Amino acid sequence: MSGSSVGEIMWWVALPYLAIAIFIVGHIWRWRYDQFGWTSRSTQLQERKLLKWGAPLFHYGTFAAIGGHVIGVLIPESFTRWLGIPENVYRWFSAAAGTVAAVLVIGGIVVLAGRRLLVPRVRATTDQVDKVVLLLLLIVVLTGIAPTIGVNLFGHGYDYRTTVALWFRGLFVGQPNVQAMATAPLIYQIHATAAWVIWGFWPFSRLVHAWSYPLWYLWRPYVVYRSRTATAPSEPGTGGRKWRKIGSPY
């Protein structure tokens, strides 16, 4: 970190570590003191049609975007080079896949945000933290898709794996490359900053439900549904109801 200014160190070292600390401690606190609030607080009863389309778009797009970030940020450039993947092929593939994921996420956010703002019954259940998180998510997605499409897909390209990825991986080994991130384009800096702020808000928002995915559904027993149609009980003898001695089969 030699040669970095105090502001750069505060922004690209202190802020990420603070966000990580809040993320971890906040989840522990919420689990200990607010287990009943550990939910997405579903509003399906208030409105279903928009939720039916918005939720799958957002969730599947988010999973795809997370997978793309794992491949693009956590996997070093040297590894893809070792696999024999040319840089231009990697850039085009990551840009195309990232564009599809971003379009899905943006569509989901637009539908879900519009639903919360325009449907009165849903708006009544929306608190200020939800609005902040939606705004931050929109900033993260827009600042992520802009360089993906404008620079890497149709532009001259920018190898973020030599700057942003180095800084990000360095955070988790205690050696963040501040200069690498400080020299990255502004839009990548905004993207990263908004993401860390979301990490700080995460434990105190409905995003905590992401950790309550019902994996046990994969191995639970089948649910047996029985008919609710009323049927006459089978009786011995003539088939009709009759008095019989207790303990006697007839």
Protein backbone atom coordinates (compact mmCIF):
# COMPACT_ATOMS: atom_id res chain seq x y z
CA MET A 1 0.00 0.00 0.00
CA SER A 2 3.04 2.24 -0.21
CA GLY A 3 2.45 5.32 -2.29
CA SER A 4 -1.28 5.31 -1.67
CA SER A 5 -3.02 8.31 -0.16
CA VAL A 6 -4.98 8.19 3.08
CA GLY A 7 -8.21 8.59 1.13
CA GLU A 8 -7.39 5.65 -1.14
CA ILE A 9 -6.54 3.45 1.84
CA MET A 10 -9.77 4.43 3.62
CA TRP A 11 -11.83 3.80 0.47
CA TRP A 12 -10.27 0.60 -0.84
CA VAL A 13 -9.10 -1.02 2.42
CA ALA A 14 -11.05 0.32 5.40
CA LEU A 15 -14.45 0.38 3.65
CA PRO A 16 -14.32 -3.25 2.42
CA TYR A 17 -13.11 -4.58 5.77
CA LEU A 18 -15.74 -2.54 7.62
CA ALA A 19 -18.45 -3.89 5.30
CA ILE A 20 -17.25 -7.46 5.83
CA ALA A 21 -17.22 -6.99 9.63
CA ILE A 22 -20.75 -5.54 9.62
CA PHE A 23 -21.86 -8.35 7.31
CA ILE A 24 -20.60 -11.07 9.67
CA VAL A 25 -21.44 -9.49 13.04
CA GLY A 26 -24.80 -8.22 11.75
CA HIS A 27 -25.88 -11.69 10.67
CA ILE A 28 -24.85 -13.19 14.01
CA TRP A 29 -26.76 -10.49 15.89
CA ARG A 30 -29.85 -10.86 13.72
CA TRP A 31 -29.87 -14.63 14.11
CA ARG A 32 -29.57 -14.39 17.87
CA TYR A 33 -32.15 -11.66 18.45
CA ASP A 34 -34.45 -11.66 15.42
CA GLN A 35 -34.96 -15.21 14.18
CA PHE A 36 -38.65 -14.57 13.60
CA GLY A 37 -37.69 -11.68 11.30
CA TRP A 38 -35.26 -13.86 9.33
CA THR A 39 -37.49 -13.92 6.29
CA SER A 40 -38.20 -12.12 3.04
CA ARG A 41 -41.57 -11.04 4.48
CA SER A 42 -43.39 -12.27 1.42
CA THR A 43 -46.02 -9.97 -0.08
CA GLN A 44 -47.54 -12.64 -2.30
CA LEU A 45 -50.92 -12.23 -0.60
CA GLN A 46 -50.92 -8.52 -1.47
CA GLU A 47 -50.05 -9.00 -5.16
CA ARG A 48 -49.19 -12.06 -7.24
CA LYS A 49 -49.10 -11.30 -10.96
CA LEU A 50 -46.06 -9.00 -10.97
CA LEU A 51 -44.30 -11.08 -8.33
CA LYS A 52 -44.74 -14.15 -10.51
CA TRP A 53 -42.57 -12.56 -13.22
CA GLY A 54 -40.29 -10.25 -11.24
CA ALA A 55 -39.00 -12.72 -8.64
CA PRO A 56 -37.74 -15.43 -11.08
CA LEU A 57 -36.13 -12.81 -13.35
CA PHE A 58 -34.28 -11.24 -10.43
CA HIS A 59 -33.21 -14.44 -8.71
CA TYR A 60 -32.05 -16.37 -11.77
CA GLY A 61 -30.29 -13.29 -13.13
CA THR A 62 -28.57 -12.78 -9.78
CA PHE A 63 -27.34 -16.38 -9.67
CA ALA A 64 -25.92 -15.98 -13.18
CA ALA A 65 -24.26 -12.68 -12.27
CA ILE A 66 -22.68 -14.16 -9.12
CA GLY A 67 -21.33 -17.06 -11.16
CA GLY A 68 -19.87 -14.63 -13.67
CA HIS A 69 -18.16 -12.64 -10.91
CA VAL A 70 -16.68 -15.80 -9.43
CA ILE A 71 -15.20 -16.76 -12.80
CA GLY A 72 -14.09 -13.26 -13.73
CA VAL A 73 -12.79 -11.93 -10.41
CA LEU A 74 -11.72 -14.90 -8.33
CA ILE A 75 -10.10 -16.96 -11.11
CA PRO A 76 -6.74 -15.44 -12.15
CA GLU A 77 -5.99 -14.57 -15.75
CA SER A 78 -3.03 -16.95 -15.66
CA PHE A 79 -5.40 -19.90 -15.13
CA THR A 80 -7.51 -19.20 -18.25
CA ARG A 81 -4.30 -18.63 -20.19
CA TRP A 82 -3.04 -22.00 -18.94
CA LEU A 83 -6.26 -23.57 -20.21
CA GLY A 84 -5.50 -22.14 -23.63
CA ILE A 85 -8.43 -19.70 -23.73
CA PRO A 86 -7.47 -16.63 -25.80
CA GLU A 87 -8.10 -13.25 -24.17
CA ASN A 88 -10.47 -12.06 -26.90
CA VAL A 89 -12.55 -15.24 -26.61
CA TYR A 90 -12.76 -14.86 -22.83
CA ARG A 91 -13.70 -11.19 -23.17
CA TRP A 92 -16.49 -11.84 -25.67
CA PHE A 93 -17.88 -14.78 -23.73
CA SER A 94 -17.87 -12.95 -20.39
CA ALA A 95 -19.39 -9.85 -21.96
CA ALA A 96 -22.19 -11.78 -23.68
CA ALA A 97 -23.00 -13.88 -20.61
CA GLY A 98 -22.80 -10.82 -18.36
CA THR A 99 -25.17 -8.92 -20.61
CA VAL A 100 -27.79 -11.68 -20.46
CA ALA A 101 -27.51 -11.88 -16.67
CA ALA A 102 -27.68 -8.10 -16.29
CA VAL A 103 -30.77 -7.83 -18.49
CA LEU A 104 -32.52 -10.44 -16.35
CA VAL A 105 -31.54 -8.69 -13.12
CA ILE A 106 -32.58 -5.25 -14.40
CA GLY A 107 -35.92 -6.64 -15.59
CA GLY A 108 -36.49 -8.22 -12.21
CA ILE A 109 -35.56 -5.08 -10.29
CA VAL A 110 -37.78 -2.89 -12.47
CA VAL A 111 -40.76 -5.20 -11.95
CA LEU A 112 -40.19 -5.64 -8.21
CA ALA A 113 -39.42 -1.97 -7.59
CA GLY A 114 -42.42 -0.87 -9.64
CA ARG A 115 -44.56 -3.30 -7.73
CA ARG A 116 -43.44 -1.86 -4.40
CA LEU A 117 -43.97 1.70 -5.53
CA LEU A 118 -47.20 1.37 -7.52
CA VAL A 119 -49.21 -1.28 -5.66
CA PRO A 120 -50.61 0.38 -2.52
CA ARG A 121 -50.86 -2.81 -0.44
CA VAL A 122 -47.28 -3.76 -1.22
CA ARG A 123 -46.03 -0.21 -0.70
CA ALA A 124 -47.51 -0.25 2.79
CA THR A 125 -45.26 -3.18 3.74
CA THR A 126 -42.07 -1.61 2.32
CA ASP A 127 -39.71 0.04 4.80
CA GLN A 128 -36.88 2.48 4.14
CA VAL A 129 -34.16 -0.19 4.18
CA ASP A 130 -35.93 -2.02 1.34
CA LYS A 131 -35.93 1.14 -0.76
CA VAL A 132 -32.23 1.77 -0.09
CA VAL A 133 -31.31 -1.81 -1.00
CA LEU A 134 -33.30 -1.68 -4.24
CA LEU A 135 -31.59 1.58 -5.18
CA LEU A 136 -28.15 0.16 -4.41
CA LEU A 137 -28.90 -2.99 -6.39
CA LEU A 138 -29.92 -0.88 -9.36
CA ILE A 139 -26.68 1.13 -9.12
CA VAL A 140 -24.60 -2.04 -8.94
CA VAL A 141 -26.33 -3.57 -11.95
CA LEU A 142 -26.21 -0.42 -14.11
CA THR A 143 -22.54 0.27 -13.33
CA GLY A 144 -21.81 -3.36 -14.08
CA ILE A 145 -23.66 -3.64 -17.36
CA ALA A 146 -22.41 -0.32 -18.76
CA PRO A 147 -18.74 -1.37 -19.09
CA THR A 148 -19.77 -4.92 -19.98
CA ILE A 149 -21.72 -3.78 -23.05
CA GLY A 150 -20.13 -0.44 -23.85
CA VAL A 151 -16.48 -1.40 -23.31
CA ASN A 152 -16.01 -5.16 -23.44
CA LEU A 153 -18.75 -6.18 -25.89
CA PHE A 154 -18.79 -3.30 -28.39
CA GLY A 155 -15.78 -1.26 -27.29
CA HIS A 156 -12.02 -1.68 -27.18
CA GLY A 157 -12.22 -3.83 -24.04
CA TYR A 158 -10.81 -3.45 -20.56
CA ASP A 159 -9.04 -6.23 -18.69
CA TYR A 160 -10.39 -5.76 -15.17
CA ARG A 161 -8.58 -8.92 -14.10
CA THR A 162 -5.33 -6.95 -13.98
CA THR A 163 -6.73 -4.28 -11.62
CA VAL A 164 -10.09 -4.91 -9.95
CA ALA A 165 -9.56 -8.67 -9.60
CA LEU A 166 -6.08 -8.23 -8.09
CA TRP A 167 -7.41 -5.79 -5.51
CA PHE A 168 -10.42 -7.93 -4.64
CA ARG A 169 -8.48 -11.17 -4.19
CA GLY A 170 -5.88 -9.31 -2.16
CA LEU A 171 -8.50 -8.28 0.39
CA PHE A 172 -9.01 -11.88 1.46
CA VAL A 173 -5.31 -12.59 1.98
CA GLY A 174 -4.58 -9.33 3.81
CA GLN A 175 -2.69 -7.76 0.91
CA PRO A 176 -5.09 -5.47 -0.99
CA ASN A 177 -3.54 -3.84 -4.06
CA VAL A 178 -4.80 -0.30 -3.52
CA GLN A 179 -3.06 1.18 -6.53
CA ALA A 180 -4.58 -1.42 -8.84
CA MET A 181 -8.08 -0.36 -7.82
CA ALA A 182 -7.27 3.35 -7.59
CA THR A 183 -6.21 3.34 -11.25
CA ALA A 184 -9.29 1.44 -12.46
CA PRO A 185 -11.96 3.36 -14.43
CA LEU A 186 -14.41 5.35 -12.32
CA ILE A 187 -17.39 3.20 -13.24
CA TYR A 188 -15.68 0.11 -11.80
CA GLN A 189 -14.95 2.04 -8.62
CA ILE A 190 -18.60 3.07 -8.27
CA HIS A 191 -19.65 -0.52 -8.95
CA ALA A 192 -17.38 -1.88 -6.22
CA THR A 193 -18.32 0.82 -3.71
CA ALA A 194 -22.05 0.25 -4.10
CA ALA A 195 -21.49 -3.51 -3.71
CA TRP A 196 -19.66 -3.03 -0.40
CA VAL A 197 -22.41 -0.75 0.88
CA ILE A 198 -24.94 -3.49 0.09
CA TRP A 199 -22.84 -5.88 2.15
CA GLY A 200 -23.22 -3.50 5.07
CA PHE A 201 -26.99 -3.24 4.67
CA TRP A 202 -27.51 -6.96 4.01
CA PRO A 203 -27.95 -8.25 7.61
CA PHE A 204 -30.57 -5.58 8.36
CA SER A 205 -32.70 -6.09 5.26
CA ARG A 206 -34.86 -8.85 3.83
CA LEU A 207 -31.81 -10.06 1.88
CA VAL A 208 -31.02 -12.35 4.84
CA HIS A 209 -33.54 -14.82 3.44
CA ALA A 210 -30.88 -15.78 0.87
CA TRP A 211 -29.25 -17.91 3.60
CA SER A 212 -32.50 -19.75 4.36
CA TYR A 213 -32.76 -21.58 1.06
CA PRO A 214 -34.68 -24.83 1.81
CA LEU A 215 -32.00 -27.31 0.70
CA TRP A 216 -33.68 -29.97 2.83
CA TYR A 217 -36.43 -30.03 0.21
CA LEU A 218 -34.04 -32.09 -1.92
CA TRP A 219 -34.18 -35.08 0.41
CA ARG A 220 -37.44 -34.66 2.31
CA PRO A 221 -40.16 -37.35 1.91
CA TYR A 222 -42.81 -36.85 -0.69
CA VAL A 223 -45.90 -34.98 0.46
CA VAL A 224 -49.00 -37.17 0.08
CA TYR A 225 -52.14 -35.27 -0.88
CA ARG A 226 -55.44 -36.92 -0.14
CA SER A 227 -58.82 -36.15 -1.61
CA ARG A 228 -61.14 -33.98 0.48
CA THR A 229 -64.27 -35.40 -1.19
CA ALA A 230 -66.69 -36.59 1.49
CA THR A 231 -67.33 -40.33 1.32
CA ALA A 232 -69.61 -42.53 3.40
CA PRO A 233 -67.76 -44.78 5.83
CA SER A 234 -67.79 -48.46 4.99
CA GLU A 235 -70.02 -50.41 7.38
CA PRO A 236 -70.29 -54.17 7.84
CA GLY A 237 -73.41 -56.03 6.93
CA THR A 238 -75.80 -54.12 4.69
CA GLY A 239 -73.39 -51.25 4.09
CA GLY A 240 -75.51 -48.77 6.06
CA ARG A 241 -74.98 -47.31 9.51
CA LYS A 242 -76.14 -49.46 12.42
CA TRP A 243 -75.55 -49.93 16.10
CA ARG A 244 -72.99 -52.52 17.07
CA LYS A 245 -71.42 -53.74 20.27
CA ILE A 246 -68.16 -52.06 21.19
CA GLY A 247 -65.27 -54.37 20.45
CA SER A 248 -67.35 -56.59 18.17
CA PRO A 249 -66.51 -56.70 14.43
CA TYR A 250 -70.22 -57.10 13.61
